[in-house]
Amino acid sequence: MLQHLRIENYVLIRSLDVDMDSGFCVITGETGAGKSILLGALGLVLGQRADSGILSDAGKKCVIEAHFNVENIDLSGFFAKNDLDFDVSDSLLILRREVLPGGKSRAFVNDTPVLLPVLKELSFLLIDIHSQHETLTLGRAGFQLQLLDSYMEDAGGLLPAYAETYRLYKELYRQIERQKEEQAQSAREQDYWQFLFDELDKLKLIPGEQKQMEDALERLAHAELLQTTLTSAVAETDGEEMSLRSRVDNLLRSLKKIAPYHKGVEESLPRWQSLAAELADLGADLNRWSEEDATDPDCKNRYEERLDALYRLERKHKVDDDNALIALRDELADKLAKINGSEEDLAAKEAELEGYRKELEQLCERLHAKRLSAAQSLQTAIVNALAELGMEQSRLEIKLSDTGQFTATGSDKVEFLFTANLGSEPKELSKVASGGELSRLMLAIKSVIHRRNLLGTIIFDEIDTGVSGKIAGKVAAMMQRMSRYMQVIAISHLPQIAAKASTHFYVYKAEEEGKTVSCIRRLNQEEHIASIASMLSNEQVTEAAIQAAKELIKG
């Protein structure tokens, strides 16, 4: 329940602290005194958006703080989900909202900064603010379904299970649609990709062959000089008796003979042996190169033809060498493979989607059965509550039908059909209910639903619009009964409702330092009686009005 509210620098409120009681609290005051401002401040701390226009003093920040007793509300799941620290043994929960002069705002839960959506989600677990605007939403099918679902028994796990399955179904459906678009695009390009791949694959590309052929053609361009020089080099190195190799071999043999007698010569022998071995290797290389360049006279034509084919494709694909062509060929091969592979993947995803669809169908059937049962019970309970509010001839039918289409809430369509008059057929709410009847209908609904799904607090913001006399007393009696199992706060202008309250707050305007400000004070018993008497009087409070006020309070 709401224990304490502190407001600083909000519209006409300069500074306000108010302690709230359990049970039935009423807030009254003259029109324009600030009752709606008080509710606006509370809405701000519960997550509504704000701007710097709410600041009473534009140079200071606005601070709104609400203290809640959450002893009987299980918030462990919420705090775990949002990774917030909270001692379950602590019954006090503090929400704070700050709006800075520049328009930026900050939100806190027990001094931990949170985002507005988190604050708003938490507020739904703490308090229900019922306003005239909400009465207008009663005619919307979505709101009616929400009301019905909040009344269902043993559906706590069914609704989240459906919501999660529907999320997975929609996510997979979007993946499949994107993949189909990609496949269609790929199919349009597949023939072209296949042509490019075949053209490259036909060449049987070998990494580095372009450089090898270019080097070979460079040699062939100087073939005569190379052949003459290599032949001569072979002869000079490893040919006749006077070749370099034979002369080094002869020298090595001579040195070996004198090595035993000369230490320096002996130490140099490994170097001479290495030189002899190196000359042998060089001679073999020269001989091989000479033979290679002397063979296959047609290789020049083959190399030129091969390089022409490579150069043509390189120009076509705007790349620099054969390695880039190979990378392009492999990339095209991957694209073509993915087209075939994606068909199998798509088939697997569609099979998975079908599984989700069947699961949704089963969940929808279970939800429909639960809702049908809840609808019968709910409409009976609401009609009984309406009878208590003086609408004994009212009829309410909650019509539920299966649309066959999956939505975020199932496949059901709900419609509240209503009539307040005997002999009239129930019709859509917007066509048959007046403002006062809608207010009483919503009160009846809230009294029934909150009895089963307890929140800490419910606030009625002038729900008594269009209600007066005897009916006002019945509305007050229902609010008083609701206050037995939850905190009820009513902003009202009716003496009948104020008379039933266990705590009475009065909102008024005052002047401070040349400025009009809104204030609130708790009334004692005498002031409570006087305030009700004032509401019963025209201008001056008479003794008869005071007696009437006392009778209302007793009654």
Protein backbone atom coordinates (compact mmCIF):
# COMPACT_ATOMS: atom_id res chain seq x y z
CA MET A 1 0.00 0.00 0.00
CA LEU A 2 1.03 3.64 -0.45
CA GLN A 3 2.41 4.84 2.89
CA HIS A 4 3.97 8.20 2.15
CA LEU A 5 4.14 10.71 -0.70
CA ARG A 6 6.65 13.55 -0.92
CA ILE A 7 6.47 16.16 -3.68
CA GLU A 8 8.95 19.00 -4.25
CA ASN A 9 8.68 21.72 -6.92
CA TYR A 10 5.87 20.19 -9.02
CA VAL A 11 3.49 22.61 -10.82
CA LEU A 12 1.63 24.46 -8.01
CA ILE A 13 3.10 22.26 -5.29
CA ARG A 14 6.14 23.85 -3.70
CA SER A 15 6.67 21.22 -0.99
CA LEU A 16 4.31 18.56 0.25
CA ASP A 17 4.58 15.54 2.55
CA VAL A 18 1.60 13.34 3.23
CA ASP A 19 1.27 10.06 5.16
CA MET A 20 -1.43 7.75 3.83
CA ASP A 21 -3.40 5.21 5.85
CA SER A 22 -4.66 1.76 4.99
CA GLY A 23 -8.35 1.27 4.38
CA PHE A 24 -10.48 3.86 2.62
CA CYS A 25 -8.96 7.32 2.04
CA VAL A 26 -10.75 10.17 0.30
CA ILE A 27 -9.29 13.34 -1.18
CA THR A 28 -11.65 16.27 -1.66
CA GLY A 29 -11.27 19.97 -2.42
CA GLU A 30 -12.57 22.77 -4.55
CA THR A 31 -12.33 22.56 -8.31
CA GLY A 32 -8.86 23.63 -9.42
CA ALA A 33 -7.38 23.31 -5.96
CA GLY A 34 -4.86 20.72 -7.10
CA LYS A 35 -6.40 17.25 -6.79
CA SER A 36 -5.43 16.41 -10.39
CA ILE A 37 -1.95 17.88 -9.76
CA LEU A 38 -1.52 15.48 -6.87
CA LEU A 39 -2.50 12.54 -9.06
CA GLY A 40 -0.19 13.78 -11.84
CA ALA A 41 2.74 13.82 -9.43
CA LEU A 42 1.96 10.28 -8.37
CA GLY A 43 1.74 9.22 -12.01
CA LEU A 44 5.18 10.72 -12.60
CA VAL A 45 6.81 8.63 -9.88
CA LEU A 46 5.07 5.59 -11.36
CA GLY A 47 6.78 6.01 -14.72
CA GLN A 48 4.86 8.54 -16.81
CA ARG A 49 6.88 10.85 -19.05
CA ALA A 50 7.72 14.38 -17.95
CA ASP A 51 9.35 17.60 -19.14
CA SER A 52 10.71 20.75 -17.52
CA GLY A 53 7.30 22.46 -17.88
CA ILE A 54 6.16 20.81 -14.64
CA LEU A 55 8.72 22.69 -12.55
CA SER A 56 7.26 25.27 -10.19
CA ASP A 57 10.69 26.89 -9.90
CA ALA A 58 12.42 26.48 -13.25
CA GLY A 59 15.84 26.74 -11.62
CA LYS A 60 15.37 23.78 -9.26
CA LYS A 61 14.78 20.10 -9.80
CA CYS A 62 11.49 18.37 -9.08
CA VAL A 63 11.58 15.41 -6.70
CA ILE A 64 8.70 13.00 -6.15
CA GLU A 65 9.06 10.09 -3.77
CA ALA A 66 6.54 7.37 -2.95
CA HIS A 67 6.93 4.86 -0.12
CA PHE A 68 5.06 1.55 -0.42
CA ASN A 69 4.50 -1.20 2.11
CA VAL A 70 4.97 -4.40 0.06
CA GLU A 71 4.77 -6.90 2.90
CA ASN A 72 1.94 -8.82 1.22
CA ILE A 73 3.13 -8.49 -2.40
CA ASP A 74 5.60 -10.96 -3.92
CA LEU A 75 8.07 -8.88 -5.94
CA SER A 76 10.95 -11.38 -5.94
CA GLY A 77 10.35 -12.38 -9.56
CA PHE A 78 10.35 -8.76 -10.74
CA PHE A 79 13.58 -7.89 -8.91
CA ALA A 80 15.32 -11.04 -10.14
CA LYS A 81 14.24 -10.41 -13.73
CA ASN A 82 15.55 -6.83 -13.65
CA ASP A 83 18.70 -7.68 -11.67
CA LEU A 84 17.82 -5.37 -8.78
CA ASP A 85 18.80 -5.91 -5.16
CA PHE A 86 15.91 -6.24 -2.75
CA ASP A 87 15.71 -7.75 0.71
CA VAL A 88 12.48 -9.76 0.78
CA SER A 89 12.38 -9.31 4.54
CA ASP A 90 12.15 -5.53 4.07
CA SER A 91 8.55 -4.38 3.72
CA LEU A 92 9.45 -0.84 2.55
CA LEU A 93 9.88 -0.03 -1.13
CA ILE A 94 10.81 3.53 -2.18
CA LEU A 95 10.28 4.88 -5.69
CA ARG A 96 11.82 8.25 -6.57
CA ARG A 97 11.67 10.39 -9.67
CA GLU A 98 13.72 13.52 -10.31
CA VAL A 99 13.14 15.98 -13.16
CA LEU A 100 16.05 18.36 -13.77
CA PRO A 101 15.68 21.96 -15.00
CA GLY A 102 16.92 20.96 -18.46
CA GLY A 103 14.06 18.47 -18.85
CA LYS A 104 16.04 15.28 -18.23
CA SER A 105 14.73 12.92 -15.60
CA ARG A 106 16.04 10.12 -13.42
CA ALA A 107 14.22 7.23 -11.77
CA PHE A 108 15.23 5.19 -8.74
CA VAL A 109 13.99 2.07 -6.98
CA ASN A 110 15.41 1.92 -3.46
CA ASP A 111 18.15 4.36 -4.58
CA THR A 112 19.11 2.14 -7.54
CA PRO A 113 18.83 3.94 -10.91
CA VAL A 114 16.36 2.30 -13.30
CA LEU A 115 14.91 2.99 -16.73
CA LEU A 116 11.33 4.28 -17.06
CA PRO A 117 9.94 1.02 -18.53
CA VAL A 118 11.21 -0.82 -15.44
CA LEU A 119 9.59 1.73 -13.13
CA LYS A 120 6.32 1.51 -15.06
CA GLU A 121 6.34 -2.28 -14.95
CA LEU A 122 6.86 -2.20 -11.20
CA SER A 123 4.03 0.30 -10.73
CA PHE A 124 1.54 -2.14 -12.29
CA LEU A 125 2.38 -4.55 -9.46
CA LEU A 126 1.81 -1.93 -6.76
CA ILE A 127 -1.10 0.29 -7.67
CA ASP A 128 -4.06 0.62 -10.01
CA ILE A 129 -5.05 4.18 -10.93
CA HIS A 130 -8.58 4.18 -12.25
CA SER A 131 -9.54 7.38 -14.04
CA GLN A 132 -12.34 8.65 -16.27
CA HIS A 133 -10.04 8.04 -19.24
CA GLU A 134 -9.84 4.34 -18.33
CA THR A 135 -13.64 4.18 -18.28
CA LEU A 136 -13.59 5.25 -21.93
CA THR A 137 -11.19 2.38 -22.76
CA LEU A 138 -13.70 -0.12 -21.40
CA GLY A 139 -15.24 -0.35 -24.85
CA ARG A 140 -12.00 -1.59 -26.46
CA ALA A 141 -11.81 -5.32 -27.17
CA GLY A 142 -8.18 -5.48 -26.11
CA PHE A 143 -8.95 -3.97 -22.71
CA GLN A 144 -11.92 -6.29 -22.27
CA LEU A 145 -9.72 -9.33 -22.95
CA GLN A 146 -7.18 -8.01 -20.44
CA LEU A 147 -9.94 -7.75 -17.83
CA LEU A 148 -11.08 -11.29 -18.55
CA ASP A 149 -7.55 -12.69 -18.34
CA SER A 150 -6.94 -10.96 -15.02
CA TYR A 151 -9.94 -12.84 -13.63
CA MET A 152 -8.92 -16.32 -14.83
CA GLU A 153 -7.97 -18.89 -12.23
CA ASP A 154 -4.92 -21.16 -12.59
CA ALA A 155 -3.79 -19.41 -15.78
CA GLY A 156 -0.63 -17.88 -14.37
CA GLY A 157 1.59 -20.29 -16.31
CA LEU A 158 -0.59 -20.62 -19.40
CA LEU A 159 -0.47 -16.99 -20.51
CA PRO A 160 3.34 -16.65 -20.22
CA ALA A 161 3.80 -20.01 -21.97
CA TYR A 162 1.66 -18.84 -24.87
CA ALA A 163 3.42 -15.46 -25.03
CA GLU A 164 6.87 -17.09 -25.20
CA THR A 165 5.80 -19.64 -27.83
CA TYR A 166 4.19 -16.87 -29.90
CA ARG A 167 7.40 -14.81 -29.67
CA LEU A 168 9.46 -17.76 -30.94
CA TYR A 169 6.89 -18.44 -33.67
CA LYS A 170 6.93 -14.83 -34.94
CA GLU A 171 10.72 -14.60 -34.79
CA LEU A 172 11.13 -17.82 -36.78
CA TYR A 173 8.42 -16.72 -39.23
CA ARG A 174 10.32 -13.48 -39.90
CA GLN A 175 13.54 -15.46 -40.42
CA ILE A 176 11.83 -17.70 -42.95
CA GLU A 177 10.38 -14.75 -44.85
CA ARG A 178 13.78 -13.06 -45.02
CA GLN A 179 15.38 -16.30 -46.16
CA LYS A 180 12.77 -16.75 -48.87
CA GLU A 181 13.47 -13.25 -50.16
CA GLU A 182 17.19 -13.95 -50.16
CA GLN A 183 16.61 -17.27 -51.95
CA ALA A 184 14.45 -15.61 -54.59
CA GLN A 185 17.18 -13.03 -55.18
CA SER A 186 19.82 -15.76 -55.30
CA ALA A 187 17.74 -17.80 -57.73
CA ARG A 188 17.58 -14.81 -60.09
CA GLU A 189 21.35 -14.57 -59.98
CA GLN A 190 22.11 -18.29 -59.91
CA ASP A 191 22.45 -18.75 -63.70
CA TYR A 192 24.84 -15.83 -63.95
CA TRP A 193 26.91 -17.07 -61.01
CA GLN A 194 27.02 -20.56 -62.55
CA PHE A 195 28.25 -19.14 -65.87
CA LEU A 196 31.02 -17.18 -64.13
CA PHE A 197 32.02 -20.19 -62.06
CA ASP A 198 32.13 -22.54 -65.06
CA GLU A 199 34.27 -20.05 -66.96
CA LEU A 200 36.79 -19.90 -64.13
CA ASP A 201 36.63 -23.58 -63.26
CA LYS A 202 37.29 -24.54 -66.87
CA LEU A 203 40.78 -22.97 -66.68
CA LYS A 204 41.80 -25.33 -63.84
CA LEU A 205 43.62 -22.50 -62.13
CA ILE A 206 46.83 -23.28 -60.24
CA PRO A 207 48.10 -20.90 -57.55
CA GLY A 208 51.20 -18.97 -58.70
CA GLU A 209 51.22 -20.31 -62.27
CA GLN A 210 50.83 -16.85 -63.80
CA LYS A 211 54.12 -15.65 -62.31
CA GLN A 212 55.87 -18.84 -63.40
CA MET A 213 54.67 -18.47 -66.99
CA GLU A 214 55.53 -14.77 -67.10
CA ASP A 215 59.08 -15.60 -65.92
CA ALA A 216 59.34 -18.42 -68.46
CA LEU A 217 58.26 -16.12 -71.31
CA GLU A 218 60.81 -13.56 -70.16
CA ARG A 219 63.49 -16.27 -70.49
CA LEU A 220 62.20 -17.41 -73.86
CA ALA A 221 62.43 -13.85 -75.14
CA HIS A 222 66.19 -14.12 -74.59
CA ALA A 223 66.48 -17.81 -75.48
CA GLU A 224 69.43 -17.54 -77.87
CA LEU A 225 71.54 -15.50 -75.44
CA LEU A 226 70.57 -17.78 -72.56
CA GLN A 227 71.36 -20.96 -74.51
CA THR A 228 74.74 -19.70 -75.72
CA THR A 229 75.73 -18.44 -72.30
CA LEU A 230 74.54 -21.53 -70.45
CA THR A 231 76.25 -23.90 -72.88
CA SER A 232 79.50 -22.01 -72.51
CA ALA A 233 79.09 -21.91 -68.72
CA VAL A 234 78.51 -25.65 -68.61
CA ALA A 235 81.68 -26.21 -70.62
CA GLU A 236 83.70 -23.80 -68.51
CA THR A 237 82.46 -25.24 -65.24
CA ASP A 238 82.23 -28.97 -65.87
CA GLY A 239 83.46 -29.71 -69.34
CA GLU A 240 86.92 -30.45 -70.58
CA GLU A 241 90.12 -31.07 -68.63
CA MET A 242 90.76 -27.37 -68.12
CA SER A 243 87.31 -26.64 -66.66
CA LEU A 244 86.92 -24.97 -63.30
CA ARG A 245 85.84 -28.17 -61.65
CA SER A 246 88.74 -30.30 -62.96
CA ARG A 247 91.25 -27.65 -62.03
CA VAL A 248 89.87 -27.34 -58.48
CA ASP A 249 89.86 -31.13 -58.14
CA ASN A 250 93.52 -31.30 -59.23
CA LEU A 251 94.43 -28.52 -56.83
CA LEU A 252 92.58 -30.28 -53.98
CA ARG A 253 94.52 -33.50 -54.61
CA SER A 254 97.83 -31.63 -54.55
CA LEU A 255 96.99 -29.86 -51.32
CA LYS A 256 96.04 -33.12 -49.66
CA LYS A 257 99.53 -34.44 -50.40
CA ILE A 258 101.29 -31.62 -48.54
CA ALA A 259 98.71 -31.19 -45.81
CA PRO A 260 100.52 -33.50 -43.36
CA TYR A 261 103.52 -31.17 -43.52
CA HIS A 262 101.75 -27.83 -43.31
CA LYS A 263 99.21 -27.01 -40.63
CA GLY A 264 97.67 -24.05 -42.51
CA VAL A 265 97.08 -26.12 -45.63
CA GLU A 266 95.56 -28.89 -43.53
CA GLU A 267 93.12 -26.46 -41.90
CA SER A 268 92.06 -25.03 -45.28
CA LEU A 269 91.19 -28.42 -46.81
CA PRO A 270 87.47 -28.36 -45.69
CA ARG A 271 87.00 -25.06 -47.46
CA TRP A 272 88.54 -26.39 -50.68
CA GLN A 273 86.35 -29.48 -50.41
CA SER A 274 83.29 -27.25 -49.96
CA LEU A 275 84.30 -25.24 -53.02
CA ALA A 276 84.62 -28.42 -55.05
CA ALA A 277 81.18 -29.61 -53.93
CA GLU A 278 79.61 -26.20 -54.67
CA LEU A 279 81.15 -26.23 -58.19
CA ALA A 280 79.68 -29.69 -58.75
CA ASP A 281 76.20 -28.45 -57.73
CA LEU A 282 76.47 -25.30 -59.82
CA GLY A 283 77.60 -27.35 -62.81
CA ALA A 284 74.56 -29.63 -62.40
CA ASP A 285 72.23 -26.61 -62.21
CA LEU A 286 73.78 -25.02 -65.31
CA ASN A 287 73.46 -28.28 -67.19
CA ARG A 288 69.76 -28.68 -66.21
CA TRP A 289 68.89 -25.09 -67.13
CA SER A 290 70.62 -25.53 -70.46
CA GLU A 291 68.60 -28.67 -71.22
CA GLU A 292 65.28 -27.12 -70.06
CA ASP A 293 65.56 -24.08 -72.29
CA ALA A 294 66.67 -26.26 -75.16
CA THR A 295 63.53 -28.48 -75.01
CA ASP A 296 59.84 -28.03 -75.96
CA PRO A 297 60.07 -25.24 -78.55
CA ASP A 298 56.22 -24.91 -78.53
CA CYS A 299 55.98 -23.91 -74.85
CA LYS A 300 56.13 -20.22 -75.78
CA ASN A 301 52.82 -20.48 -77.66
CA ARG A 302 51.20 -22.47 -74.86
CA TYR A 303 52.26 -19.97 -72.23
CA GLU A 304 51.07 -17.02 -74.27
CA GLU A 305 47.66 -18.61 -74.90
CA ARG A 306 47.27 -19.51 -71.24
CA LEU A 307 48.28 -16.04 -70.09
CA ASP A 308 45.90 -14.41 -72.61
CA ALA A 309 43.02 -16.38 -71.06
CA LEU A 310 44.09 -15.36 -67.56
CA TYR A 311 44.54 -11.68 -68.48
CA ARG A 312 41.10 -11.59 -70.16
CA LEU A 313 39.34 -12.87 -67.00
CA GLU A 314 41.38 -10.58 -64.79
CA ARG A 315 40.27 -7.57 -66.83
CA LYS A 316 36.68 -8.83 -66.78
CA HIS A 317 36.61 -9.23 -63.00
CA LYS A 318 38.91 -6.27 -62.32
CA VAL A 319 41.52 -8.24 -60.37
CA ASP A 320 45.30 -8.29 -60.49
CA ASP A 321 46.42 -11.91 -60.66
CA ASP A 322 45.49 -15.58 -60.86
CA ASN A 323 45.28 -15.88 -57.05
CA ALA A 324 42.46 -13.32 -57.05
CA LEU A 325 40.69 -15.34 -59.78
CA ILE A 326 40.98 -18.47 -57.63
CA ALA A 327 39.46 -16.59 -54.64
CA LEU A 328 36.59 -15.42 -56.86
CA ARG A 329 36.02 -18.95 -58.16
CA ASP A 330 35.85 -20.30 -54.59
CA GLU A 331 33.47 -17.50 -53.57
CA LEU A 332 31.14 -18.35 -56.45
CA ALA A 333 31.31 -22.03 -55.49
CA ASP A 334 30.25 -21.10 -51.93
CA LYS A 335 27.32 -19.03 -53.21
CA LEU A 336 26.11 -21.85 -55.42
CA ALA A 337 26.49 -24.36 -52.57
CA LYS A 338 24.54 -22.10 -50.21
CA ILE A 339 21.63 -21.93 -52.64
CA ASN A 340 21.27 -25.69 -52.45
CA GLY A 341 22.03 -25.77 -48.72
CA SER A 342 19.58 -22.98 -47.92
CA GLU A 343 16.73 -24.98 -49.42
CA GLU A 344 17.39 -27.76 -46.92
CA ASP A 345 17.76 -25.23 -44.09
CA LEU A 346 14.51 -23.53 -45.11
CA ALA A 347 12.70 -26.85 -45.11
CA ALA A 348 14.00 -27.56 -41.60
CA LYS A 349 12.88 -24.13 -40.36
CA GLU A 350 9.44 -24.53 -41.89
CA ALA A 351 9.11 -27.88 -40.12
CA GLU A 352 10.10 -26.18 -36.86
CA LEU A 353 7.57 -23.41 -37.53
CA GLU A 354 4.86 -25.99 -38.05
CA GLY A 355 5.76 -27.42 -34.63
CA TYR A 356 5.32 -24.01 -33.04
CA ARG A 357 2.01 -23.56 -34.90
CA LYS A 358 0.64 -26.82 -33.51
CA GLU A 359 1.83 -25.88 -30.03
CA LEU A 360 0.09 -22.49 -30.35
CA GLU A 361 -3.11 -24.20 -31.46
CA GLN A 362 -3.05 -26.39 -28.36
CA LEU A 363 -2.33 -23.43 -26.08
CA CYS A 364 -5.12 -21.42 -27.74
CA GLU A 365 -7.56 -24.25 -27.16
CA ARG A 366 -6.61 -24.37 -23.47
CA LEU A 367 -6.80 -20.59 -23.18
CA HIS A 368 -10.20 -20.56 -24.88
CA ALA A 369 -11.56 -23.14 -22.46
CA LYS A 370 -10.19 -21.22 -19.46
CA ARG A 371 -11.60 -17.95 -20.79
CA LEU A 372 -15.03 -19.44 -21.44
CA SER A 373 -15.20 -20.65 -17.85
CA ALA A 374 -13.91 -17.32 -16.52
CA ALA A 375 -16.34 -15.36 -18.72
CA GLN A 376 -19.36 -17.13 -17.23
CA SER A 377 -18.14 -16.58 -13.69
CA LEU A 378 -17.04 -12.98 -14.33
CA GLN A 379 -20.27 -11.80 -15.92
CA THR A 380 -22.28 -13.27 -13.03
CA ALA A 381 -20.05 -11.57 -10.46
CA ILE A 382 -20.22 -8.23 -12.29
CA VAL A 383 -24.00 -8.35 -12.64
CA ASN A 384 -24.29 -9.04 -8.89
CA ALA A 385 -21.97 -6.09 -8.17
CA LEU A 386 -24.04 -3.87 -10.48
CA ALA A 387 -27.16 -4.83 -8.54
CA GLU A 388 -25.44 -3.56 -5.40
CA LEU A 389 -24.89 -0.26 -7.22
CA GLY A 390 -28.59 0.15 -7.99
CA MET A 391 -28.52 -1.37 -11.49
CA GLU A 392 -30.65 -4.43 -10.73
CA GLN A 393 -31.99 -4.70 -14.30
CA SER A 394 -28.55 -4.78 -15.89
CA ARG A 395 -27.45 -7.63 -18.11
CA LEU A 396 -23.89 -8.31 -19.17
CA GLU A 397 -22.82 -10.90 -21.70
CA ILE A 398 -19.14 -11.65 -22.29
CA LYS A 399 -19.04 -13.01 -25.81
CA LEU A 400 -15.94 -15.02 -26.69
CA SER A 401 -15.11 -16.30 -30.18
CA ASP A 402 -12.10 -17.98 -31.75
CA THR A 403 -10.80 -15.99 -34.73
CA GLY A 404 -8.44 -18.73 -35.89
CA GLN A 405 -5.65 -16.14 -36.11
CA PHE A 406 -2.72 -16.07 -33.72
CA THR A 407 -2.12 -12.77 -31.92
CA ALA A 408 0.02 -11.78 -28.96
CA THR A 409 -2.86 -12.74 -26.62
CA GLY A 410 -4.13 -15.88 -28.34
CA SER A 411 -6.75 -16.38 -31.01
CA ASP A 412 -9.78 -15.22 -29.01
CA LYS A 413 -11.92 -12.17 -29.62
CA VAL A 414 -13.88 -10.89 -26.63
CA GLU A 415 -16.81 -8.52 -26.59
CA PHE A 416 -18.68 -7.12 -23.60
CA LEU A 417 -22.38 -6.69 -24.44
CA PHE A 418 -24.40 -4.66 -21.94
CA THR A 419 -27.78 -3.21 -21.19
CA ALA A 420 -28.93 -1.37 -18.10
CA ASN A 421 -32.64 -1.66 -18.97
CA LEU A 422 -35.11 -4.49 -18.59
CA GLY A 423 -36.35 -5.86 -21.91
CA SER A 424 -33.45 -4.51 -23.96
CA GLU A 425 -30.97 -6.76 -25.67
CA PRO A 426 -27.33 -6.33 -24.62
CA LYS A 427 -25.29 -4.40 -27.18
CA GLU A 428 -21.84 -2.87 -27.50
CA LEU A 429 -20.99 -0.72 -24.50
CA SER A 430 -20.46 2.46 -26.52
CA LYS A 431 -24.00 2.20 -27.91
CA VAL A 432 -26.01 1.53 -24.78
CA ALA A 433 -24.21 2.89 -21.68
CA SER A 434 -24.19 6.44 -20.38
CA GLY A 435 -21.20 8.00 -18.62
CA GLY A 436 -22.62 7.29 -15.18
CA GLU A 437 -23.48 3.71 -16.12
CA LEU A 438 -19.98 3.14 -17.51
CA SER A 439 -18.46 4.50 -14.28
CA ARG A 440 -20.54 2.11 -12.18
CA LEU A 441 -19.82 -0.78 -14.54
CA MET A 442 -16.07 -0.15 -14.27
CA LEU A 443 -16.32 0.10 -10.49
CA ALA A 444 -18.18 -3.20 -10.41
CA ILE A 445 -15.54 -4.81 -12.61
CA LYS A 446 -12.68 -3.49 -10.47
CA SER A 447 -14.35 -4.62 -7.25
CA VAL A 448 -14.71 -8.15 -8.64
CA ILE A 449 -11.27 -8.46 -10.24
CA HIS A 450 -9.23 -6.96 -7.41
CA ARG A 451 -10.89 -9.21 -4.90
CA ARG A 452 -9.23 -12.13 -6.70
CA ASN A 453 -6.00 -10.46 -7.91
CA LEU A 454 -4.90 -8.32 -5.02
CA LEU A 455 -2.83 -5.19 -5.50
CA GLY A 456 -1.71 -3.03 -2.62
CA THR A 457 -3.62 0.08 -3.69
CA ILE A 458 -6.34 1.26 -6.04
CA ILE A 459 -7.02 4.94 -6.73
CA PHE A 460 -10.36 6.10 -8.11
CA ASP A 461 -10.07 9.46 -9.85
CA GLU A 462 -13.57 10.96 -9.88
CA ILE A 463 -15.20 7.68 -10.83
CA ASP A 464 -18.37 9.15 -9.33
CA THR A 465 -18.93 11.33 -12.43
CA GLY A 466 -22.61 11.17 -13.38
CA VAL A 467 -23.53 9.58 -10.03
CA SER A 468 -25.53 11.20 -7.26
CA GLY A 469 -28.07 10.62 -4.50
CA LYS A 470 -28.83 7.07 -3.48
CA ILE A 471 -26.51 5.59 -6.11
CA ALA A 472 -23.62 7.65 -4.77
CA GLY A 473 -24.16 5.98 -1.41
CA LYS A 474 -24.03 2.54 -3.02
CA VAL A 475 -20.81 3.45 -4.84
CA ALA A 476 -19.35 4.59 -1.54
CA ALA A 477 -20.43 1.37 0.19
CA MET A 478 -18.71 -0.72 -2.49
CA MET A 479 -15.49 1.27 -2.16
CA GLN A 480 -15.66 0.82 1.59
CA ARG A 481 -16.03 -2.96 1.18
CA MET A 482 -13.06 -3.03 -1.23
CA SER A 483 -10.97 -1.24 1.41
CA ARG A 484 -11.26 -4.28 3.67
CA TYR A 485 -8.74 -6.20 1.54
CA MET A 486 -6.78 -3.34 -0.09
CA GLN A 487 -6.03 0.35 0.25
CA VAL A 488 -8.62 2.44 -1.59
CA ILE A 489 -7.98 6.11 -2.36
CA ALA A 490 -10.81 8.08 -3.97
CA ILE A 491 -10.60 11.58 -5.41
CA SER A 492 -14.19 12.69 -5.19
CA HIS A 493 -16.61 15.60 -4.98
CA LEU A 494 -19.50 13.57 -3.49
CA PRO A 495 -20.33 13.84 0.24
CA GLN A 496 -21.65 10.26 0.27
CA ILE A 497 -18.22 8.91 -0.72
CA ALA A 498 -16.32 11.23 1.61
CA ALA A 499 -18.55 10.14 4.50
CA LYS A 500 -17.54 6.48 4.14
CA ALA A 501 -13.80 7.20 4.22
CA SER A 502 -11.75 6.34 7.29
CA THR A 503 -9.20 9.04 6.35
CA HIS A 504 -10.07 12.37 4.75
CA PHE A 505 -7.56 14.68 3.00
CA TYR A 506 -8.47 18.15 1.86
CA VAL A 507 -6.67 19.89 -1.04
CA TYR A 508 -6.72 23.68 -1.11
CA LYS A 509 -4.91 26.68 -2.56
CA ALA A 510 -2.88 29.16 -0.52
CA GLU A 511 -0.61 32.11 -1.17
CA GLU A 512 3.09 31.94 -0.32
CA GLU A 513 5.52 34.73 -1.15
CA GLY A 514 3.18 36.17 -3.75
CA LYS A 515 2.55 32.83 -5.51
CA THR A 516 -0.45 30.50 -5.48
CA VAL A 517 0.45 27.04 -4.23
CA SER A 518 -1.50 23.81 -3.72
CA CYS A 519 -1.55 22.28 -0.25
CA ILE A 520 -3.08 19.22 1.39
CA ARG A 521 -3.96 18.45 4.99
CA ARG A 522 -5.44 15.55 6.87
CA LEU A 523 -8.79 16.46 8.46
CA ASN A 524 -9.65 15.61 12.02
CA GLN A 525 -13.13 14.37 12.89
CA GLU A 526 -14.64 17.85 13.28
CA GLU A 527 -13.06 19.06 10.06
CA HIS A 528 -14.23 15.86 8.36
CA ILE A 529 -17.82 16.59 9.36
CA ALA A 530 -17.50 20.25 8.38
CA SER A 531 -16.08 19.38 4.97
CA ILE A 532 -18.94 16.98 4.22
CA ALA A 533 -21.45 19.54 5.43
CA SER A 534 -19.87 22.08 3.09
CA MET A 535 -20.29 19.68 0.21
CA LEU A 536 -23.97 19.34 1.14
CA SER A 537 -24.54 23.10 1.37
CA ASN A 538 -24.89 25.79 -1.25
CA GLU A 539 -22.94 28.68 0.24
CA GLN A 540 -23.05 28.77 4.03
CA VAL A 541 -22.82 25.61 6.11
CA THR A 542 -26.02 25.25 8.09
CA GLU A 543 -26.71 23.26 11.23
CA ALA A 544 -28.97 21.04 9.16
CA ALA A 545 -26.05 20.31 6.82
CA ILE A 546 -23.84 19.43 9.78
CA GLN A 547 -26.47 17.02 11.11
CA ALA A 548 -26.89 15.54 7.65
CA ALA A 549 -23.13 15.06 7.42
CA LYS A 550 -23.10 13.24 10.75
CA GLU A 551 -25.95 11.01 9.57
CA LEU A 552 -24.05 10.18 6.38
CA ILE A 553 -21.00 9.22 8.40
CA LYS A 554 -23.05 7.04 10.75
CA GLY A 555 -25.11 5.51 7.96
